[in-house]
Amino acid sequence: MFEINLNFNGPFNIEEIESYPLNGRRDIEGLYLWTVKQSNSNNYLIHYIGESSKIIRRQSEHLTEVLGLNYGIYDPDSLRNGKLIKLWDGMWRDKSKSRIKNCMIKYPEITGKVLEYLKIIDVFIAEVEIETNVRRHCEAIIGNYLRTNGMQFKSIYPDDNRVILRKNMEKFKLKIECKNVLGLYKEIVFGMQ
């Protein structure tokens, strides 16, 4: 069994993510959390878990998908109160032949809420240089653990966020450091026995 240490730094507001300290690097590799600060505390709930070899660039890609209404849009006030109320499903979920038309009809109504939604997203970043399949497995472990063991903290983590546990991975331990993010456990042991 081997250990992977994930030290999540943040929060960084999504609007200011490009000011993340790169220290001469073009980008960073690791995992990231989209979170929302709760209105009744200084704590954050996880809204999305991601991984990338270029985290800063990936945030820009997410921004494009949100602004283009390809991703789902959620009510900002509800998110800040631990509730997941969807205002727009996202074009990727619409399997109809009129998905573009549906998006164009909804667009004028929802654009103000899209910007409100983006303004409440705070990102936590764990820099870690590991193989892509291991990084993706770590992402899936956290998402799976949140869904199965952190039910009281997954209220704003959509059930259809895609995380895929890799089969036949060696048993390993995630050691996680992250201040004020609910549902992240200090240690998660996962893998084949």
N, C-alpha and C. Protein backbone atom coordinates (compact mmCIF):
# COMPACT_ATOMS: atom_id res chain seq x y z
N MET A 1 0.86 -1.18 0.00
CA MET A 1 0.00 0.00 0.00
C MET A 1 0.90 1.24 0.00
N PHE A 2 0.53 2.23 -0.81
CA PHE A 2 1.28 3.46 -0.80
C PHE A 2 0.35 4.62 -0.46
N GLU A 3 0.93 5.75 -0.10
CA GLU A 3 0.16 6.92 0.33
C GLU A 3 0.27 8.04 -0.69
N ILE A 4 -0.82 8.77 -0.82
CA ILE A 4 -0.83 9.98 -1.62
C ILE A 4 -1.32 11.09 -0.71
N ASN A 5 -0.53 12.15 -0.60
CA ASN A 5 -0.90 13.29 0.23
C ASN A 5 -1.53 14.36 -0.63
N LEU A 6 -2.72 14.78 -0.23
CA LEU A 6 -3.44 15.85 -0.92
C LEU A 6 -3.63 17.00 0.05
N ASN A 7 -2.91 18.08 -0.18
CA ASN A 7 -3.03 19.27 0.66
C ASN A 7 -3.76 20.33 -0.16
N PHE A 8 -5.06 20.47 0.10
CA PHE A 8 -5.88 21.42 -0.65
C PHE A 8 -5.67 22.83 -0.13
N ASN A 9 -5.26 23.71 -1.02
CA ASN A 9 -5.09 25.13 -0.69
C ASN A 9 -6.27 25.92 -1.22
N GLY A 10 -6.65 26.94 -0.52
CA GLY A 10 -7.76 27.77 -0.95
C GLY A 10 -8.44 28.40 0.24
N PRO A 11 -9.54 29.02 0.00
CA PRO A 11 -10.29 29.06 -1.25
C PRO A 11 -9.78 30.16 -2.20
N PHE A 12 -9.94 29.89 -3.49
CA PHE A 12 -9.66 30.86 -4.54
C PHE A 12 -10.97 31.06 -5.30
N ASN A 13 -11.46 32.28 -5.34
CA ASN A 13 -12.69 32.53 -6.07
C ASN A 13 -12.44 32.26 -7.55
N ILE A 14 -13.42 31.67 -8.21
CA ILE A 14 -13.27 31.29 -9.61
C ILE A 14 -12.88 32.49 -10.48
N GLU A 15 -13.34 33.70 -10.11
CA GLU A 15 -12.98 34.90 -10.89
C GLU A 15 -11.50 35.22 -10.79
N GLU A 16 -10.85 34.78 -9.71
CA GLU A 16 -9.45 35.14 -9.45
C GLU A 16 -8.50 33.96 -9.60
N ILE A 17 -8.97 32.86 -10.18
CA ILE A 17 -8.17 31.64 -10.23
C ILE A 17 -6.87 31.84 -11.02
N GLU A 18 -6.87 32.75 -11.97
CA GLU A 18 -5.66 32.96 -12.77
C GLU A 18 -4.55 33.64 -11.97
N SER A 19 -4.87 34.13 -10.77
CA SER A 19 -3.84 34.73 -9.92
C SER A 19 -3.24 33.69 -8.97
N TYR A 20 -3.59 32.41 -9.14
CA TYR A 20 -3.02 31.35 -8.32
C TYR A 20 -1.49 31.39 -8.47
N PRO A 21 -0.74 31.27 -7.36
CA PRO A 21 0.73 31.37 -7.44
C PRO A 21 1.36 30.19 -8.17
N LEU A 22 1.77 30.42 -9.40
CA LEU A 22 2.37 29.36 -10.22
C LEU A 22 3.88 29.26 -10.02
N ASN A 23 4.49 30.28 -9.45
CA ASN A 23 5.93 30.27 -9.18
C ASN A 23 6.76 29.88 -10.40
N GLY A 24 6.48 30.56 -11.51
CA GLY A 24 7.26 30.35 -12.72
C GLY A 24 6.77 29.23 -13.61
N ARG A 25 5.81 28.44 -13.14
CA ARG A 25 5.29 27.35 -13.96
C ARG A 25 4.18 27.87 -14.85
N ARG A 26 3.92 27.16 -15.94
CA ARG A 26 2.84 27.56 -16.85
C ARG A 26 1.48 27.16 -16.30
N ASP A 27 1.44 26.05 -15.56
CA ASP A 27 0.19 25.55 -14.98
C ASP A 27 0.56 24.53 -13.91
N ILE A 28 -0.45 23.94 -13.28
CA ILE A 28 -0.20 22.98 -12.22
C ILE A 28 -1.04 21.72 -12.43
N GLU A 29 -0.57 20.64 -11.84
CA GLU A 29 -1.22 19.34 -11.95
C GLU A 29 -1.77 18.95 -10.60
N GLY A 30 -2.93 18.28 -10.59
CA GLY A 30 -3.47 17.79 -9.33
C GLY A 30 -4.97 17.64 -9.35
N LEU A 31 -5.57 17.84 -8.18
CA LEU A 31 -7.02 17.74 -8.01
C LEU A 31 -7.55 19.08 -7.54
N TYR A 32 -8.84 19.31 -7.78
CA TYR A 32 -9.45 20.55 -7.35
C TYR A 32 -10.89 20.30 -6.94
N LEU A 33 -11.38 21.18 -6.10
CA LEU A 33 -12.75 21.11 -5.62
C LEU A 33 -13.44 22.43 -5.93
N TRP A 34 -14.62 22.36 -6.52
CA TRP A 34 -15.49 23.53 -6.61
C TRP A 34 -16.36 23.46 -5.37
N THR A 35 -16.35 24.51 -4.57
CA THR A 35 -17.08 24.52 -3.31
C THR A 35 -17.94 25.77 -3.23
N VAL A 36 -18.87 25.75 -2.27
CA VAL A 36 -19.70 26.92 -1.99
C VAL A 36 -19.69 27.14 -0.47
N LYS A 37 -19.32 28.36 -0.08
CA LYS A 37 -19.33 28.71 1.35
C LYS A 37 -20.77 28.78 1.82
N GLN A 38 -21.03 28.16 2.96
CA GLN A 38 -22.39 28.11 3.50
C GLN A 38 -22.72 29.40 4.25
N SER A 39 -23.94 29.86 4.10
CA SER A 39 -24.35 31.15 4.68
C SER A 39 -24.39 31.13 6.20
N ASN A 40 -24.51 29.95 6.81
CA ASN A 40 -24.62 29.88 8.26
C ASN A 40 -23.32 29.53 8.97
N SER A 41 -22.20 29.48 8.24
CA SER A 41 -20.92 29.11 8.86
C SER A 41 -19.76 29.55 7.97
N ASN A 42 -18.55 29.24 8.43
CA ASN A 42 -17.35 29.47 7.61
C ASN A 42 -16.95 28.22 6.85
N ASN A 43 -17.86 27.27 6.77
CA ASN A 43 -17.58 26.00 6.11
C ASN A 43 -18.05 25.99 4.66
N TYR A 44 -17.42 25.12 3.89
CA TYR A 44 -17.71 24.97 2.47
C TYR A 44 -18.24 23.56 2.22
N LEU A 45 -19.18 23.46 1.29
CA LEU A 45 -19.63 22.16 0.80
C LEU A 45 -19.10 21.95 -0.60
N ILE A 46 -18.80 20.69 -0.92
CA ILE A 46 -18.26 20.35 -2.24
C ILE A 46 -19.39 20.31 -3.26
N HIS A 47 -19.17 21.00 -4.37
CA HIS A 47 -20.14 21.02 -5.46
C HIS A 47 -19.63 20.21 -6.67
N TYR A 48 -18.31 20.11 -6.81
CA TYR A 48 -17.72 19.39 -7.93
C TYR A 48 -16.31 18.98 -7.54
N ILE A 49 -15.88 17.81 -8.01
CA ILE A 49 -14.51 17.32 -7.79
C ILE A 49 -13.90 17.09 -9.16
N GLY A 50 -12.69 17.60 -9.37
CA GLY A 50 -12.05 17.43 -10.65
C GLY A 50 -10.57 17.16 -10.52
N GLU A 51 -9.98 16.77 -11.64
CA GLU A 51 -8.54 16.52 -11.71
C GLU A 51 -8.06 17.00 -13.07
N SER A 52 -6.81 17.38 -13.14
CA SER A 52 -6.26 17.82 -14.42
C SER A 52 -4.74 17.91 -14.35
N SER A 53 -4.12 17.78 -15.51
CA SER A 53 -2.68 18.04 -15.59
C SER A 53 -2.43 19.54 -15.77
N LYS A 54 -3.51 20.30 -16.03
CA LYS A 54 -3.42 21.76 -16.20
C LYS A 54 -4.65 22.38 -15.53
N ILE A 55 -4.57 22.51 -14.23
CA ILE A 55 -5.73 22.93 -13.44
C ILE A 55 -6.23 24.32 -13.81
N ILE A 56 -5.34 25.27 -13.99
CA ILE A 56 -5.79 26.64 -14.29
C ILE A 56 -6.50 26.68 -15.64
N ARG A 57 -5.92 26.03 -16.63
CA ARG A 57 -6.57 25.97 -17.95
C ARG A 57 -7.92 25.26 -17.84
N ARG A 58 -8.00 24.22 -17.03
CA ARG A 58 -9.24 23.47 -16.87
C ARG A 58 -10.35 24.35 -16.29
N GLN A 59 -10.00 25.28 -15.40
CA GLN A 59 -11.01 26.18 -14.84
C GLN A 59 -11.58 27.07 -15.94
N SER A 60 -10.74 27.49 -16.86
CA SER A 60 -11.19 28.29 -18.00
C SER A 60 -12.14 27.48 -18.88
N GLU A 61 -11.83 26.19 -19.07
CA GLU A 61 -12.72 25.33 -19.84
C GLU A 61 -14.07 25.18 -19.15
N HIS A 62 -14.05 24.99 -17.84
CA HIS A 62 -15.30 24.90 -17.08
C HIS A 62 -16.11 26.19 -17.23
N LEU A 63 -15.43 27.32 -17.14
CA LEU A 63 -16.10 28.62 -17.27
C LEU A 63 -16.81 28.71 -18.63
N THR A 64 -16.14 28.29 -19.69
CA THR A 64 -16.73 28.30 -21.02
C THR A 64 -17.98 27.42 -21.07
N GLU A 65 -17.91 26.26 -20.46
CA GLU A 65 -19.05 25.33 -20.45
C GLU A 65 -20.23 25.89 -19.64
N VAL A 66 -19.94 26.55 -18.53
CA VAL A 66 -21.01 27.15 -17.72
C VAL A 66 -21.65 28.31 -18.47
N LEU A 67 -20.81 29.22 -18.98
CA LEU A 67 -21.34 30.39 -19.69
C LEU A 67 -22.11 30.00 -20.95
N GLY A 68 -21.72 28.90 -21.58
CA GLY A 68 -22.41 28.42 -22.77
C GLY A 68 -23.61 27.54 -22.46
N LEU A 69 -23.94 27.41 -21.18
CA LEU A 69 -25.07 26.60 -20.70
C LEU A 69 -24.97 25.12 -21.06
N ASN A 70 -23.76 24.64 -21.31
CA ASN A 70 -23.60 23.21 -21.52
C ASN A 70 -23.69 22.46 -20.20
N TYR A 71 -23.21 23.08 -19.12
CA TYR A 71 -23.31 22.51 -17.78
C TYR A 71 -24.61 22.96 -17.13
N GLY A 72 -25.00 22.24 -16.09
CA GLY A 72 -26.16 22.63 -15.30
C GLY A 72 -25.89 23.92 -14.53
N ILE A 73 -26.96 24.66 -14.29
CA ILE A 73 -26.88 25.91 -13.52
C ILE A 73 -27.77 25.73 -12.29
N TYR A 74 -27.25 26.10 -11.15
CA TYR A 74 -27.94 25.90 -9.88
C TYR A 74 -28.22 27.24 -9.21
N ASP A 75 -29.28 27.27 -8.41
CA ASP A 75 -29.67 28.49 -7.72
C ASP A 75 -28.63 28.84 -6.66
N PRO A 76 -27.98 30.03 -6.77
CA PRO A 76 -26.92 30.40 -5.85
C PRO A 76 -27.37 30.49 -4.39
N ASP A 77 -28.53 31.07 -4.13
CA ASP A 77 -29.00 31.20 -2.74
C ASP A 77 -29.23 29.83 -2.12
N SER A 78 -29.79 28.93 -2.88
CA SER A 78 -30.01 27.57 -2.37
C SER A 78 -28.70 26.86 -2.09
N LEU A 79 -27.73 27.00 -2.99
CA LEU A 79 -26.41 26.37 -2.77
C LEU A 79 -25.79 26.86 -1.48
N ARG A 80 -25.88 28.17 -1.21
CA ARG A 80 -25.30 28.73 0.02
C ARG A 80 -26.02 28.24 1.27
N ASN A 81 -27.19 27.65 1.08
CA ASN A 81 -27.95 27.09 2.20
C ASN A 81 -28.00 25.56 2.14
N GLY A 82 -27.06 24.97 1.43
CA GLY A 82 -26.92 23.52 1.41
C GLY A 82 -27.96 22.78 0.60
N LYS A 83 -28.61 23.46 -0.33
CA LYS A 83 -29.65 22.82 -1.15
C LYS A 83 -29.27 22.92 -2.62
N LEU A 84 -29.59 21.88 -3.36
CA LEU A 84 -29.27 21.80 -4.78
C LEU A 84 -30.56 21.97 -5.58
N ILE A 85 -30.79 23.19 -6.05
CA ILE A 85 -31.96 23.46 -6.88
C ILE A 85 -31.47 23.85 -8.27
N LYS A 86 -31.79 22.99 -9.23
CA LYS A 86 -31.32 23.17 -10.59
C LYS A 86 -32.21 24.16 -11.33
N LEU A 87 -31.59 25.17 -11.93
CA LEU A 87 -32.31 26.14 -12.76
C LEU A 87 -32.28 25.75 -14.23
N TRP A 88 -31.24 25.02 -14.59
CA TRP A 88 -31.04 24.60 -15.98
C TRP A 88 -30.27 23.29 -15.96
N ASP A 89 -30.75 22.29 -16.69
CA ASP A 89 -30.12 20.96 -16.70
C ASP A 89 -28.75 20.94 -17.35
N GLY A 90 -28.54 21.80 -18.33
CA GLY A 90 -27.31 21.75 -19.10
C GLY A 90 -27.57 21.03 -20.41
N MET A 91 -26.98 21.56 -21.47
CA MET A 91 -27.19 20.95 -22.79
C MET A 91 -26.67 19.52 -22.85
N TRP A 92 -25.63 19.20 -22.09
CA TRP A 92 -25.08 17.85 -22.17
C TRP A 92 -26.08 16.81 -21.66
N ARG A 93 -27.01 17.23 -20.81
CA ARG A 93 -28.01 16.30 -20.29
C ARG A 93 -29.22 16.18 -21.23
N ASP A 94 -29.41 17.15 -22.11
CA ASP A 94 -30.57 17.19 -23.00
C ASP A 94 -30.29 16.31 -24.22
N LYS A 95 -30.97 15.20 -24.31
CA LYS A 95 -30.75 14.25 -25.41
C LYS A 95 -31.75 14.45 -26.55
N SER A 96 -32.55 15.51 -26.47
CA SER A 96 -33.57 15.75 -27.50
C SER A 96 -32.94 16.31 -28.77
N LYS A 97 -33.72 16.34 -29.82
CA LYS A 97 -33.26 16.91 -31.09
C LYS A 97 -33.41 18.43 -31.10
N SER A 98 -33.93 19.00 -30.04
CA SER A 98 -34.11 20.46 -29.98
C SER A 98 -33.30 21.07 -28.84
N ARG A 99 -32.19 20.46 -28.50
CA ARG A 99 -31.39 20.95 -27.37
C ARG A 99 -30.82 22.35 -27.61
N ILE A 100 -30.41 22.66 -28.82
CA ILE A 100 -29.90 24.00 -29.12
C ILE A 100 -31.02 25.02 -28.99
N LYS A 101 -32.17 24.71 -29.55
CA LYS A 101 -33.32 25.59 -29.45
C LYS A 101 -33.73 25.80 -27.98
N ASN A 102 -33.76 24.71 -27.21
CA ASN A 102 -34.10 24.80 -25.79
C ASN A 102 -33.13 25.73 -25.06
N CYS A 103 -31.86 25.62 -25.39
CA CYS A 103 -30.84 26.47 -24.77
C CYS A 103 -31.06 27.93 -25.14
N MET A 104 -31.33 28.19 -26.39
CA MET A 104 -31.52 29.57 -26.84
C MET A 104 -32.77 30.20 -26.23
N ILE A 105 -33.79 29.41 -26.00
CA ILE A 105 -35.00 29.92 -25.35
C ILE A 105 -34.72 30.26 -23.89
N LYS A 106 -33.97 29.42 -23.21
CA LYS A 106 -33.68 29.61 -21.78
C LYS A 106 -32.64 30.70 -21.54
N TYR A 107 -31.75 30.92 -22.50
CA TYR A 107 -30.60 31.81 -22.33
C TYR A 107 -30.95 33.20 -21.77
N PRO A 108 -31.88 33.95 -22.36
CA PRO A 108 -32.16 35.30 -21.85
C PRO A 108 -32.68 35.29 -20.40
N GLU A 109 -33.38 34.25 -20.05
CA GLU A 109 -33.97 34.15 -18.73
C GLU A 109 -32.93 33.85 -17.64
N ILE A 110 -31.88 33.14 -18.01
CA ILE A 110 -30.99 32.58 -17.00
C ILE A 110 -29.62 33.26 -16.90
N THR A 111 -29.26 34.10 -17.84
CA THR A 111 -27.88 34.62 -17.86
C THR A 111 -27.48 35.34 -16.57
N GLY A 112 -28.38 36.09 -15.96
CA GLY A 112 -28.05 36.77 -14.71
C GLY A 112 -27.73 35.78 -13.60
N LYS A 113 -28.47 34.70 -13.54
CA LYS A 113 -28.23 33.66 -12.52
C LYS A 113 -26.92 32.92 -12.78
N VAL A 114 -26.54 32.79 -14.05
CA VAL A 114 -25.28 32.13 -14.37
C VAL A 114 -24.11 32.89 -13.74
N LEU A 115 -24.11 34.20 -13.88
CA LEU A 115 -23.03 35.00 -13.29
C LEU A 115 -23.07 34.96 -11.77
N GLU A 116 -24.25 35.00 -11.18
CA GLU A 116 -24.38 34.86 -9.72
C GLU A 116 -23.82 33.52 -9.27
N TYR A 117 -24.16 32.48 -10.00
CA TYR A 117 -23.70 31.13 -9.70
C TYR A 117 -22.17 31.07 -9.72
N LEU A 118 -21.56 31.60 -10.76
CA LEU A 118 -20.11 31.57 -10.86
C LEU A 118 -19.43 32.35 -9.74
N LYS A 119 -20.03 33.44 -9.32
CA LYS A 119 -19.41 34.29 -8.29
C LYS A 119 -19.34 33.61 -6.92
N ILE A 120 -20.17 32.60 -6.67
CA ILE A 120 -20.11 31.93 -5.37
C ILE A 120 -19.23 30.69 -5.37
N ILE A 121 -18.65 30.35 -6.52
CA ILE A 121 -17.79 29.16 -6.60
C ILE A 121 -16.39 29.51 -6.08
N ASP A 122 -15.97 28.78 -5.07
CA ASP A 122 -14.61 28.90 -4.54
C ASP A 122 -13.89 27.58 -4.80
N VAL A 123 -12.65 27.70 -5.27
CA VAL A 123 -11.87 26.53 -5.68
C VAL A 123 -10.77 26.26 -4.66
N PHE A 124 -10.64 24.98 -4.31
CA PHE A 124 -9.53 24.51 -3.49
C PHE A 124 -8.69 23.61 -4.40
N ILE A 125 -7.37 23.76 -4.32
CA ILE A 125 -6.46 23.05 -5.23
C ILE A 125 -5.43 22.25 -4.44
N ALA A 126 -5.26 20.99 -4.81
CA ALA A 126 -4.21 20.13 -4.26
C ALA A 126 -3.23 19.82 -5.39
N GLU A 127 -2.06 20.39 -5.30
CA GLU A 127 -1.04 20.11 -6.31
C GLU A 127 -0.42 18.74 -6.01
N VAL A 128 -0.43 17.88 -7.01
CA VAL A 128 0.19 16.57 -6.85
C VAL A 128 0.56 16.04 -8.23
N GLU A 129 1.80 15.61 -8.37
CA GLU A 129 2.28 15.08 -9.64
C GLU A 129 2.28 13.56 -9.56
N ILE A 130 1.26 12.96 -10.15
CA ILE A 130 1.11 11.51 -10.18
C ILE A 130 0.58 11.13 -11.56
N GLU A 131 0.63 9.86 -11.87
CA GLU A 131 0.14 9.38 -13.17
C GLU A 131 -1.33 9.74 -13.33
N THR A 132 -1.73 9.99 -14.56
CA THR A 132 -3.10 10.40 -14.86
C THR A 132 -4.13 9.41 -14.32
N ASN A 133 -3.92 8.11 -14.54
CA ASN A 133 -4.91 7.14 -14.07
C ASN A 133 -5.01 7.13 -12.54
N VAL A 134 -3.92 7.37 -11.85
CA VAL A 134 -3.94 7.43 -10.39
C VAL A 134 -4.65 8.71 -9.93
N ARG A 135 -4.37 9.81 -10.61
CA ARG A 135 -5.03 11.09 -10.28
C ARG A 135 -6.55 10.97 -10.48
N ARG A 136 -6.96 10.36 -11.57
CA ARG A 136 -8.39 10.16 -11.83
C ARG A 136 -9.01 9.23 -10.80
N HIS A 137 -8.25 8.24 -10.38
CA HIS A 137 -8.74 7.32 -9.35
C HIS A 137 -8.92 8.06 -8.01
N CYS A 138 -7.98 8.93 -7.70
CA CYS A 138 -8.10 9.74 -6.46
C CYS A 138 -9.36 10.60 -6.51
N GLU A 139 -9.62 11.22 -7.65
CA GLU A 139 -10.83 12.02 -7.84
C GLU A 139 -12.07 11.16 -7.57
N ALA A 140 -12.08 9.95 -8.13
CA ALA A 140 -13.22 9.06 -7.97
C ALA A 140 -13.36 8.57 -6.53
N ILE A 141 -12.25 8.32 -5.87
CA ILE A 141 -12.30 7.88 -4.47
C ILE A 141 -12.98 8.94 -3.61
N ILE A 142 -12.57 10.20 -3.80
CA ILE A 142 -13.17 11.28 -3.00
C ILE A 142 -14.66 11.40 -3.31
N GLY A 143 -15.02 11.40 -4.59
CA GLY A 143 -16.43 11.50 -4.97
C GLY A 143 -17.25 10.34 -4.44
N ASN A 144 -16.73 9.12 -4.59
CA ASN A 144 -17.42 7.93 -4.11
C ASN A 144 -17.56 7.96 -2.60
N TYR A 145 -16.50 8.35 -1.92
CA TYR A 145 -16.53 8.40 -0.45
C TYR A 145 -17.54 9.43 0.03
N LEU A 146 -17.59 10.58 -0.64
CA LEU A 146 -18.55 11.62 -0.29
C LEU A 146 -19.99 11.08 -0.47
N ARG A 147 -20.21 10.36 -1.55
CA ARG A 147 -21.55 9.82 -1.82
C ARG A 147 -21.96 8.71 -0.86
N THR A 148 -21.00 7.91 -0.41
CA THR A 148 -21.36 6.74 0.41
C THR A 148 -21.16 6.95 1.90
N ASN A 149 -20.19 7.78 2.29
CA ASN A 149 -19.89 7.94 3.72
C ASN A 149 -20.11 9.36 4.24
N GLY A 150 -20.36 10.28 3.34
CA GLY A 150 -20.53 11.67 3.75
C GLY A 150 -21.88 12.22 3.35
N MET A 151 -22.90 11.37 3.46
CA MET A 151 -24.22 11.75 2.97
C MET A 151 -24.68 13.12 3.49
N GLN A 152 -24.37 13.44 4.74
CA GLN A 152 -24.82 14.72 5.29
C GLN A 152 -24.07 15.90 4.67
N PHE A 153 -22.98 15.64 3.95
CA PHE A 153 -22.19 16.72 3.35
C PHE A 153 -22.29 16.76 1.82
N LYS A 154 -23.06 15.87 1.23
CA LYS A 154 -23.13 15.81 -0.24
C LYS A 154 -24.36 16.51 -0.80
N SER A 155 -24.98 17.34 -0.01
CA SER A 155 -26.26 17.94 -0.42
C SER A 155 -26.18 18.79 -1.69
N ILE A 156 -25.01 19.37 -2.00
CA ILE A 156 -24.90 20.18 -3.22
C ILE A 156 -23.97 19.53 -4.25
N TYR A 157 -23.65 18.26 -4.05
CA TYR A 157 -22.83 17.50 -4.99
C TYR A 157 -23.77 16.67 -5.86
N PRO A 158 -23.98 17.08 -7.13
CA PRO A 158 -24.96 16.38 -7.98
C PRO A 158 -24.64 14.90 -8.15
N ASP A 159 -25.68 14.09 -8.14
CA ASP A 159 -25.51 12.64 -8.27
C ASP A 159 -24.95 12.24 -9.63
N ASP A 160 -25.12 13.07 -10.64
CA ASP A 160 -24.62 12.68 -11.96
C ASP A 160 -23.25 13.25 -12.29
N ASN A 161 -22.55 13.82 -11.28
CA ASN A 161 -21.15 14.17 -11.51
C ASN A 161 -20.40 12.86 -11.75
N ARG A 162 -19.69 12.80 -12.85
CA ARG A 162 -19.06 11.55 -13.26
C ARG A 162 -17.70 11.36 -12.59
N VAL A 163 -17.62 10.32 -11.81
CA VAL A 163 -16.34 9.87 -11.26
C VAL A 163 -16.31 8.36 -11.42
N ILE A 164 -15.20 7.83 -11.91
CA ILE A 164 -15.11 6.41 -12.23
C ILE A 164 -13.95 5.79 -11.45
N LEU A 165 -14.29 4.88 -10.55
CA LEU A 165 -13.25 4.14 -9.83
C LEU A 165 -12.56 3.18 -10.79
N ARG A 166 -11.25 3.18 -10.78
CA ARG A 166 -10.48 2.29 -11.65
C ARG A 166 -10.43 0.91 -11.00
N LYS A 167 -10.59 -0.12 -11.82
CA LYS A 167 -10.52 -1.49 -11.31
C LYS A 167 -9.06 -1.91 -11.19
N ASN A 168 -8.83 -2.84 -10.31
CA ASN A 168 -7.51 -3.46 -10.12
C ASN A 168 -6.42 -2.47 -9.72
N MET A 169 -6.80 -1.41 -9.04
CA MET A 169 -5.79 -0.48 -8.54
C MET A 169 -5.20 -1.04 -7.25
N GLU A 170 -3.92 -0.83 -7.07
CA GLU A 170 -3.25 -1.23 -5.85
C GLU A 170 -3.89 -0.49 -4.67
N LYS A 171 -3.93 -1.14 -3.53
CA LYS A 171 -4.49 -0.52 -2.34
C LYS A 171 -3.62 0.67 -1.95
N PHE A 172 -4.25 1.82 -1.71
CA PHE A 172 -3.48 2.96 -1.24
C PHE A 172 -4.31 3.85 -0.33
N LYS A 173 -3.60 4.74 0.32
CA LYS A 173 -4.21 5.62 1.31
C LYS A 173 -4.11 7.06 0.82
N LEU A 174 -5.24 7.76 0.84
CA LEU A 174 -5.23 9.20 0.59
C LEU A 174 -5.17 9.88 1.94
N LYS A 175 -4.21 10.76 2.10
CA LYS A 175 -4.14 11.60 3.30
C LYS A 175 -4.49 13.01 2.85
N ILE A 176 -5.55 13.56 3.44
CA ILE A 176 -6.12 14.80 2.94
C ILE A 176 -6.05 15.89 4.00
N GLU A 177 -5.56 17.05 3.58
CA GLU A 177 -5.57 18.26 4.40
C GLU A 177 -6.38 19.31 3.67
N CYS A 178 -7.38 19.85 4.34
CA CYS A 178 -8.19 20.90 3.73
C CYS A 178 -9.02 21.56 4.83
N LYS A 179 -8.84 22.85 4.98
CA LYS A 179 -9.55 23.57 6.05
C LYS A 179 -10.95 23.97 5.61
N ASN A 180 -11.90 23.71 6.49
CA ASN A 180 -13.27 24.19 6.37
C ASN A 180 -14.09 23.59 5.23
N VAL A 181 -13.62 22.50 4.61
CA VAL A 181 -14.42 21.83 3.60
C VAL A 181 -15.02 20.58 4.24
N LEU A 182 -16.35 20.57 4.32
CA LEU A 182 -17.05 19.46 4.96
C LEU A 182 -17.12 18.26 4.03
N GLY A 183 -16.97 17.07 4.59
CA GLY A 183 -17.09 15.84 3.82
C GLY A 183 -15.76 15.28 3.34
N LEU A 184 -14.68 16.01 3.54
CA LEU A 184 -13.35 15.47 3.23
C LEU A 184 -12.80 14.84 4.49
N TYR A 185 -12.38 13.62 4.39
CA TYR A 185 -11.88 12.90 5.54
C TYR A 185 -10.36 12.92 5.53
N LYS A 186 -9.76 12.88 6.71
CA LYS A 186 -8.30 12.97 6.82
C LYS A 186 -7.61 11.82 6.11
N GLU A 187 -8.22 10.63 6.17
CA GLU A 187 -7.62 9.47 5.51
C GLU A 187 -8.72 8.65 4.87
N ILE A 188 -8.43 8.21 3.66
CA ILE A 188 -9.32 7.28 2.97
C ILE A 188 -8.44 6.16 2.44
N VAL A 189 -8.71 4.93 2.85
CA VAL A 189 -7.98 3.77 2.35
C VAL A 189 -8.87 3.10 1.32
N PHE A 190 -8.28 2.83 0.15
CA PHE A 190 -9.09 2.27 -0.92
C PHE A 190 -8.22 1.40 -1.82
N GLY A 191 -8.80 0.35 -2.37
CA GLY A 191 -8.10 -0.47 -3.34
C GLY A 191 -8.30 -1.94 -3.07
N MET A 192 -7.59 -2.75 -3.83
CA MET A 192 -7.71 -4.21 -3.70
C MET A 192 -7.12 -4.65 -2.38
N GLN A 193 -7.72 -5.66 -1.81
CA GLN A 193 -7.24 -6.22 -0.53
C GLN A 193 -6.01 -7.05 -0.74
